[in-house]
């Protein structure tokens, strides 16, 4: 199953989802991520905490959803509320759409421990959701 994770800037939440789904769902899921208004680079803490949890980060990049017109996803998942309200490109067609509404850990404030905790909580949620889909596909 091909998954496309969408967030406005494609620098944190959708990147977390792409990496986690690609690696936890290897053999069952193929994941990509994109944004409606991507930025120049992935948030550095996104990469740090993915690596800390054992995920590979090479090749992760912020990109426009227009760059993925040939990807043909089976499911599109918006992970931020602003992206959920946007009109998706026509090329997505009648694809199955989901909204996860994840909090943005890159906006967390406070101590380094508090920021790390925010990232880990979001990673835990993504892992649980991805694992549910893998079980669904494999059953």
N, C-alpha and C. Protein backbone atom coordinates (compact mmCIF):
# COMPACT_ATOMS: atom_id res chain seq x y z
N UNK A 1 0.84 -1.18 0.00
CA UNK A 1 0.00 0.00 0.00
C UNK A 1 0.89 1.24 0.00
N UNK A 2 0.52 2.19 -0.84
CA UNK A 2 1.28 3.44 -0.95
C UNK A 2 0.60 4.54 -0.15
N UNK A 3 1.37 5.16 0.75
CA UNK A 3 0.86 6.22 1.61
C UNK A 3 1.56 7.53 1.30
N UNK A 4 0.78 8.60 1.25
CA UNK A 4 1.35 9.94 1.10
C UNK A 4 0.92 10.76 2.30
N UNK A 5 1.91 11.22 3.07
CA UNK A 5 1.67 12.04 4.25
C UNK A 5 1.84 13.51 3.88
N UNK A 6 0.83 14.31 4.21
CA UNK A 6 0.81 15.72 3.83
C UNK A 6 0.78 16.60 5.08
N UNK A 7 1.66 17.59 5.09
CA UNK A 7 1.65 18.65 6.09
C UNK A 7 2.03 19.92 5.34
N UNK A 8 1.62 21.04 5.81
CA UNK A 8 1.82 22.27 5.06
C UNK A 8 3.27 22.48 4.66
N UNK A 9 4.20 22.41 5.62
CA UNK A 9 5.60 22.73 5.33
C UNK A 9 6.48 21.52 5.06
N UNK A 10 6.00 20.33 5.33
CA UNK A 10 6.76 19.10 5.10
C UNK A 10 8.16 19.21 5.70
N UNK A 11 8.20 19.56 7.00
CA UNK A 11 9.51 19.65 7.64
C UNK A 11 9.57 18.91 8.96
N UNK A 12 8.42 18.44 9.48
CA UNK A 12 8.44 17.75 10.77
C UNK A 12 7.49 16.55 10.78
N UNK A 13 6.19 16.78 11.02
CA UNK A 13 5.24 15.67 11.22
C UNK A 13 5.14 14.73 10.02
N UNK A 14 5.01 15.27 8.83
CA UNK A 14 4.88 14.40 7.66
C UNK A 14 6.18 13.65 7.39
N UNK A 15 7.30 14.27 7.70
CA UNK A 15 8.61 13.60 7.57
C UNK A 15 8.70 12.46 8.58
N UNK A 16 8.29 12.71 9.83
CA UNK A 16 8.28 11.64 10.84
C UNK A 16 7.46 10.47 10.33
N UNK A 17 6.28 10.76 9.78
CA UNK A 17 5.40 9.70 9.28
C UNK A 17 6.03 8.92 8.13
N UNK A 18 6.63 9.63 7.19
CA UNK A 18 7.27 8.97 6.05
C UNK A 18 8.33 7.99 6.52
N UNK A 19 9.22 8.45 7.38
CA UNK A 19 10.32 7.59 7.84
C UNK A 19 9.80 6.39 8.62
N UNK A 20 8.87 6.62 9.53
CA UNK A 20 8.35 5.55 10.37
C UNK A 20 7.57 4.54 9.54
N UNK A 21 6.68 5.01 8.67
CA UNK A 21 5.87 4.09 7.86
C UNK A 21 6.74 3.31 6.89
N UNK A 22 7.72 3.96 6.29
CA UNK A 22 8.59 3.27 5.34
C UNK A 22 9.36 2.14 6.00
N UNK A 23 9.81 2.38 7.23
CA UNK A 23 10.68 1.40 7.88
C UNK A 23 9.90 0.38 8.70
N UNK A 24 8.87 0.79 9.42
CA UNK A 24 8.06 -0.17 10.19
C UNK A 24 7.17 -1.00 9.29
N UNK A 25 6.79 -0.43 8.16
CA UNK A 25 5.90 -1.12 7.24
C UNK A 25 6.61 -1.72 6.05
N UNK A 26 7.92 -1.89 6.14
CA UNK A 26 8.69 -2.42 5.02
C UNK A 26 8.07 -3.73 4.55
N UNK A 27 7.82 -3.81 3.25
CA UNK A 27 7.19 -4.99 2.68
C UNK A 27 5.69 -4.84 2.54
N UNK A 28 5.08 -3.98 3.37
CA UNK A 28 3.63 -3.75 3.30
C UNK A 28 3.29 -2.33 2.88
N UNK A 29 4.12 -1.39 3.29
CA UNK A 29 3.84 0.02 3.04
C UNK A 29 4.98 0.68 2.28
N UNK A 30 4.62 1.56 1.38
CA UNK A 30 5.58 2.43 0.72
C UNK A 30 5.11 3.85 1.03
N UNK A 31 5.96 4.64 1.64
CA UNK A 31 5.53 5.95 2.10
C UNK A 31 6.34 7.07 1.48
N UNK A 32 5.67 8.20 1.32
CA UNK A 32 6.30 9.44 0.87
C UNK A 32 5.63 10.57 1.65
N UNK A 33 6.26 11.72 1.64
CA UNK A 33 5.65 12.88 2.30
C UNK A 33 5.88 14.12 1.44
N UNK A 34 4.98 15.08 1.64
CA UNK A 34 5.08 16.32 0.87
C UNK A 34 4.30 17.41 1.58
N UNK A 35 4.46 18.62 1.08
CA UNK A 35 3.74 19.75 1.66
C UNK A 35 3.11 20.62 0.59
N UNK A 36 2.10 21.36 1.00
CA UNK A 36 1.47 22.30 0.08
C UNK A 36 2.32 23.56 -0.07
N UNK A 37 3.13 23.87 0.96
CA UNK A 37 4.03 25.02 0.95
C UNK A 37 5.34 24.60 1.63
N UNK A 38 6.09 23.70 0.97
CA UNK A 38 7.29 23.16 1.61
C UNK A 38 8.35 24.23 1.88
N UNK A 39 9.21 23.92 2.85
CA UNK A 39 10.31 24.81 3.20
C UNK A 39 11.61 24.23 2.66
N UNK A 40 12.70 24.91 2.95
CA UNK A 40 13.99 24.51 2.38
C UNK A 40 14.56 23.23 2.96
N UNK A 41 14.29 22.94 4.23
CA UNK A 41 14.97 21.81 4.86
C UNK A 41 14.08 21.18 5.93
N UNK A 42 14.37 19.94 6.20
CA UNK A 42 13.71 19.21 7.28
C UNK A 42 14.19 19.80 8.61
N UNK A 43 13.30 19.91 9.58
CA UNK A 43 13.67 20.44 10.90
C UNK A 43 14.76 19.54 11.49
N UNK A 44 15.86 20.11 11.98
CA UNK A 44 16.97 19.28 12.48
C UNK A 44 16.59 18.37 13.65
N UNK A 45 15.66 18.78 14.50
CA UNK A 45 15.26 17.90 15.60
C UNK A 45 14.45 16.71 15.11
N UNK A 46 13.76 16.88 14.00
CA UNK A 46 13.05 15.75 13.39
C UNK A 46 14.05 14.65 13.06
N UNK A 47 15.14 15.03 12.43
CA UNK A 47 16.17 14.06 12.05
C UNK A 47 16.84 13.48 13.30
N UNK A 48 17.15 14.32 14.27
CA UNK A 48 17.82 13.86 15.48
C UNK A 48 17.00 12.78 16.19
N UNK A 49 15.71 13.06 16.40
CA UNK A 49 14.91 12.12 17.18
C UNK A 49 14.51 10.88 16.39
N UNK A 50 14.40 10.99 15.08
CA UNK A 50 14.22 9.78 14.27
C UNK A 50 15.44 8.87 14.42
N UNK A 51 16.62 9.45 14.30
CA UNK A 51 17.85 8.67 14.43
C UNK A 51 17.97 8.07 15.83
N UNK A 52 17.60 8.85 16.85
CA UNK A 52 17.66 8.34 18.22
C UNK A 52 16.77 7.11 18.39
N UNK A 53 15.66 7.06 17.67
CA UNK A 53 14.75 5.92 17.75
C UNK A 53 15.13 4.80 16.79
N UNK A 54 16.22 4.99 16.05
CA UNK A 54 16.72 3.93 15.19
C UNK A 54 16.25 3.99 13.75
N UNK A 55 15.66 5.09 13.33
CA UNK A 55 15.20 5.23 11.95
C UNK A 55 16.27 5.86 11.08
N UNK A 56 16.35 5.39 9.84
CA UNK A 56 17.25 5.98 8.86
C UNK A 56 16.66 7.31 8.38
N UNK A 57 17.52 8.29 8.17
CA UNK A 57 17.04 9.61 7.74
C UNK A 57 17.60 10.06 6.40
N UNK A 58 18.48 9.27 5.81
CA UNK A 58 19.05 9.68 4.53
C UNK A 58 17.94 9.73 3.48
N UNK A 59 17.98 10.75 2.66
CA UNK A 59 17.00 10.90 1.60
C UNK A 59 15.74 11.65 2.00
N UNK A 60 15.54 11.91 3.29
CA UNK A 60 14.36 12.67 3.70
C UNK A 60 14.54 14.13 3.31
N UNK A 61 13.52 14.70 2.67
CA UNK A 61 13.62 16.08 2.23
C UNK A 61 12.25 16.72 2.19
N UNK A 62 12.24 18.03 2.35
CA UNK A 62 11.00 18.79 2.23
C UNK A 62 10.72 19.00 0.75
N UNK A 63 9.50 18.62 0.32
CA UNK A 63 9.16 18.73 -1.09
C UNK A 63 7.68 19.06 -1.27
N UNK A 64 7.36 19.55 -2.44
CA UNK A 64 5.98 19.90 -2.77
C UNK A 64 5.19 18.66 -3.16
N UNK A 65 3.89 18.69 -2.87
CA UNK A 65 3.05 17.58 -3.31
C UNK A 65 2.99 17.50 -4.82
N UNK A 66 3.27 18.60 -5.51
CA UNK A 66 3.31 18.57 -6.98
C UNK A 66 4.47 17.71 -7.49
N UNK A 67 5.52 17.57 -6.67
CA UNK A 67 6.66 16.74 -7.05
C UNK A 67 6.32 15.25 -7.03
N UNK A 68 5.19 14.90 -6.44
CA UNK A 68 4.83 13.49 -6.27
C UNK A 68 3.61 13.09 -7.09
N UNK A 69 3.33 13.82 -8.15
CA UNK A 69 2.15 13.53 -8.97
C UNK A 69 2.17 12.12 -9.55
N UNK A 70 3.34 11.56 -9.76
CA UNK A 70 3.44 10.21 -10.32
C UNK A 70 3.44 9.12 -9.25
N UNK A 71 3.38 9.49 -7.98
CA UNK A 71 3.45 8.51 -6.88
C UNK A 71 2.20 7.63 -6.80
N UNK A 72 1.04 8.16 -7.11
CA UNK A 72 -0.23 7.42 -7.09
C UNK A 72 -0.50 6.71 -5.77
N UNK A 73 -0.70 7.46 -4.69
CA UNK A 73 -0.93 6.83 -3.39
C UNK A 73 -2.29 6.14 -3.30
N UNK A 74 -2.34 5.13 -2.43
CA UNK A 74 -3.61 4.48 -2.11
C UNK A 74 -4.34 5.24 -1.01
N UNK A 75 -3.56 5.84 -0.11
CA UNK A 75 -4.10 6.63 0.99
C UNK A 75 -3.30 7.91 1.12
N UNK A 76 -4.01 9.01 1.36
CA UNK A 76 -3.38 10.30 1.67
C UNK A 76 -3.75 10.62 3.11
N UNK A 77 -2.74 10.95 3.90
CA UNK A 77 -2.95 11.25 5.31
C UNK A 77 -2.47 12.67 5.59
N UNK A 78 -3.39 13.54 5.98
CA UNK A 78 -2.98 14.87 6.43
C UNK A 78 -2.66 14.76 7.91
N UNK A 79 -1.58 15.40 8.32
CA UNK A 79 -1.14 15.28 9.71
C UNK A 79 -1.18 16.60 10.46
N UNK A 80 -1.53 17.68 9.78
CA UNK A 80 -1.73 18.96 10.46
C UNK A 80 -3.08 19.52 10.06
N UNK A 81 -3.69 20.26 10.96
CA UNK A 81 -5.04 20.76 10.71
C UNK A 81 -5.11 21.70 9.52
N UNK A 82 -4.07 22.51 9.30
CA UNK A 82 -4.12 23.44 8.17
C UNK A 82 -4.10 22.68 6.84
N UNK A 83 -3.32 21.61 6.75
CA UNK A 83 -3.29 20.82 5.51
C UNK A 83 -4.62 20.09 5.29
N UNK A 84 -5.27 19.70 6.38
CA UNK A 84 -6.55 18.99 6.26
C UNK A 84 -7.61 19.85 5.59
N UNK A 85 -7.50 21.17 5.76
CA UNK A 85 -8.49 22.07 5.19
C UNK A 85 -8.16 22.54 3.79
N UNK A 86 -7.02 22.14 3.26
CA UNK A 86 -6.61 22.59 1.93
C UNK A 86 -7.19 21.69 0.85
N UNK A 87 -7.37 22.26 -0.32
CA UNK A 87 -7.82 21.49 -1.46
C UNK A 87 -6.64 20.72 -2.03
N UNK A 88 -6.79 19.41 -2.10
CA UNK A 88 -5.70 18.57 -2.63
C UNK A 88 -5.63 18.71 -4.15
N UNK A 89 -4.46 18.49 -4.71
CA UNK A 89 -4.32 18.56 -6.17
C UNK A 89 -5.25 17.56 -6.86
N UNK A 90 -5.68 17.90 -8.05
CA UNK A 90 -6.58 17.03 -8.80
C UNK A 90 -5.99 15.65 -9.06
N UNK A 91 -4.67 15.56 -9.19
CA UNK A 91 -4.07 14.26 -9.50
C UNK A 91 -4.29 13.24 -8.39
N UNK A 92 -4.64 13.68 -7.19
CA UNK A 92 -4.91 12.72 -6.12
C UNK A 92 -6.22 11.99 -6.33
N UNK A 93 -7.12 12.57 -7.11
CA UNK A 93 -8.35 11.89 -7.47
C UNK A 93 -9.18 11.43 -6.29
N UNK A 94 -9.73 10.24 -6.42
CA UNK A 94 -10.63 9.67 -5.41
C UNK A 94 -9.89 8.81 -4.40
N UNK A 95 -8.68 9.13 -4.11
CA UNK A 95 -7.87 8.36 -3.17
C UNK A 95 -8.49 8.41 -1.77
N UNK A 96 -8.28 7.35 -1.02
CA UNK A 96 -8.76 7.28 0.37
C UNK A 96 -8.01 8.32 1.21
N UNK A 97 -8.75 9.15 1.93
CA UNK A 97 -8.12 10.24 2.71
C UNK A 97 -8.36 10.04 4.20
N UNK A 98 -7.32 10.34 4.98
CA UNK A 98 -7.37 10.25 6.44
C UNK A 98 -6.77 11.52 7.03
N UNK A 99 -7.17 11.83 8.26
CA UNK A 99 -6.56 12.96 8.97
C UNK A 99 -6.16 12.49 10.36
N UNK A 100 -4.89 12.67 10.70
CA UNK A 100 -4.39 12.24 12.01
C UNK A 100 -4.31 13.39 13.02
N UNK A 101 -4.22 14.63 12.60
CA UNK A 101 -4.20 15.76 13.51
C UNK A 101 -3.14 15.69 14.60
N UNK A 102 -1.90 15.48 14.20
CA UNK A 102 -0.80 15.37 15.16
C UNK A 102 -0.34 16.74 15.64
N UNK A 103 -0.01 16.88 16.93
CA UNK A 103 0.57 18.14 17.40
C UNK A 103 1.96 18.33 16.79
N UNK A 104 2.37 19.57 16.63
CA UNK A 104 3.67 19.87 16.02
C UNK A 104 4.75 19.93 17.09
N UNK A 105 5.59 18.89 17.21
CA UNK A 105 6.62 18.91 18.24
C UNK A 105 7.71 19.95 17.98
N UNK A 106 7.85 20.40 16.74
CA UNK A 106 8.88 21.41 16.46
C UNK A 106 8.50 22.77 17.04
N UNK A 107 7.27 22.92 17.49
CA UNK A 107 6.83 24.16 18.13
C UNK A 107 6.85 24.05 19.66
N UNK A 108 7.28 22.91 20.17
CA UNK A 108 7.34 22.72 21.62
C UNK A 108 8.33 23.70 22.22
N UNK A 109 8.01 24.16 23.41
CA UNK A 109 8.88 25.10 24.11
C UNK A 109 9.26 24.52 25.46
N UNK A 110 10.29 25.10 26.04
CA UNK A 110 10.73 24.66 27.36
C UNK A 110 12.11 24.06 27.30
N UNK A 111 12.38 23.21 28.25
CA UNK A 111 13.70 22.59 28.36
C UNK A 111 13.93 21.61 27.22
N UNK A 112 15.19 21.22 27.06
CA UNK A 112 15.53 20.21 26.05
C UNK A 112 14.76 18.92 26.32
N UNK A 113 14.60 18.58 27.58
CA UNK A 113 13.86 17.36 27.94
C UNK A 113 12.39 17.48 27.55
N UNK A 114 11.80 18.64 27.72
CA UNK A 114 10.39 18.84 27.35
C UNK A 114 10.20 18.75 25.84
N UNK A 115 11.14 19.32 25.10
CA UNK A 115 11.06 19.27 23.64
C UNK A 115 11.25 17.84 23.16
N UNK A 116 12.21 17.14 23.73
CA UNK A 116 12.43 15.73 23.38
C UNK A 116 11.17 14.92 23.68
N UNK A 117 10.56 15.16 24.81
CA UNK A 117 9.35 14.46 25.20
C UNK A 117 8.22 14.70 24.19
N UNK A 118 8.10 15.92 23.69
CA UNK A 118 7.08 16.24 22.69
C UNK A 118 7.31 15.43 21.41
N UNK A 119 8.56 15.36 20.97
CA UNK A 119 8.87 14.57 19.78
C UNK A 119 8.59 13.09 20.01
N UNK A 120 9.01 12.57 21.15
CA UNK A 120 8.82 11.15 21.42
C UNK A 120 7.34 10.78 21.50
N UNK A 121 6.53 11.67 22.06
CA UNK A 121 5.08 11.40 22.14
C UNK A 121 4.46 11.31 20.75
N UNK A 122 4.87 12.19 19.85
CA UNK A 122 4.34 12.15 18.48
C UNK A 122 4.86 10.92 17.76
N UNK A 123 6.12 10.59 17.93
CA UNK A 123 6.67 9.38 17.31
C UNK A 123 5.92 8.15 17.81
N UNK A 124 5.64 8.08 19.10
CA UNK A 124 4.86 6.95 19.65
C UNK A 124 3.50 6.84 18.97
N UNK A 125 2.81 7.96 18.81
CA UNK A 125 1.48 7.95 18.17
C UNK A 125 1.57 7.47 16.73
N UNK A 126 2.56 7.95 16.01
CA UNK A 126 2.72 7.54 14.61
C UNK A 126 3.01 6.04 14.54
N UNK A 127 3.92 5.56 15.38
CA UNK A 127 4.24 4.13 15.38
C UNK A 127 2.99 3.30 15.63
N UNK A 128 2.16 3.70 16.57
CA UNK A 128 0.94 2.96 16.86
C UNK A 128 -0.01 2.94 15.67
N UNK A 129 -0.18 4.07 15.01
CA UNK A 129 -1.07 4.15 13.85
C UNK A 129 -0.54 3.32 12.69
N UNK A 130 0.76 3.41 12.44
CA UNK A 130 1.37 2.64 11.36
C UNK A 130 1.25 1.15 11.65
N UNK A 131 1.52 0.74 12.88
CA UNK A 131 1.41 -0.67 13.25
C UNK A 131 -0.01 -1.19 13.05
N UNK A 132 -1.03 -0.36 13.34
CA UNK A 132 -2.43 -0.76 13.10
C UNK A 132 -2.66 -1.03 11.62
N UNK A 133 -2.16 -0.15 10.76
CA UNK A 133 -2.35 -0.34 9.33
C UNK A 133 -1.60 -1.56 8.81
N UNK A 134 -0.41 -1.79 9.32
CA UNK A 134 0.35 -2.98 8.89
C UNK A 134 -0.43 -4.24 9.27
N UNK A 135 -0.95 -4.28 10.50
CA UNK A 135 -1.74 -5.45 10.92
C UNK A 135 -2.98 -5.61 10.03
N UNK A 136 -3.62 -4.51 9.69
CA UNK A 136 -4.81 -4.54 8.82
C UNK A 136 -4.46 -5.12 7.45
N UNK A 137 -3.36 -4.68 6.89
CA UNK A 137 -2.94 -5.12 5.56
C UNK A 137 -2.54 -6.59 5.58
N UNK A 138 -1.85 -7.00 6.62
CA UNK A 138 -1.31 -8.36 6.67
C UNK A 138 -2.33 -9.39 7.15
N UNK A 139 -3.50 -8.95 7.60
CA UNK A 139 -4.49 -9.93 8.09
C UNK A 139 -5.42 -10.40 6.98
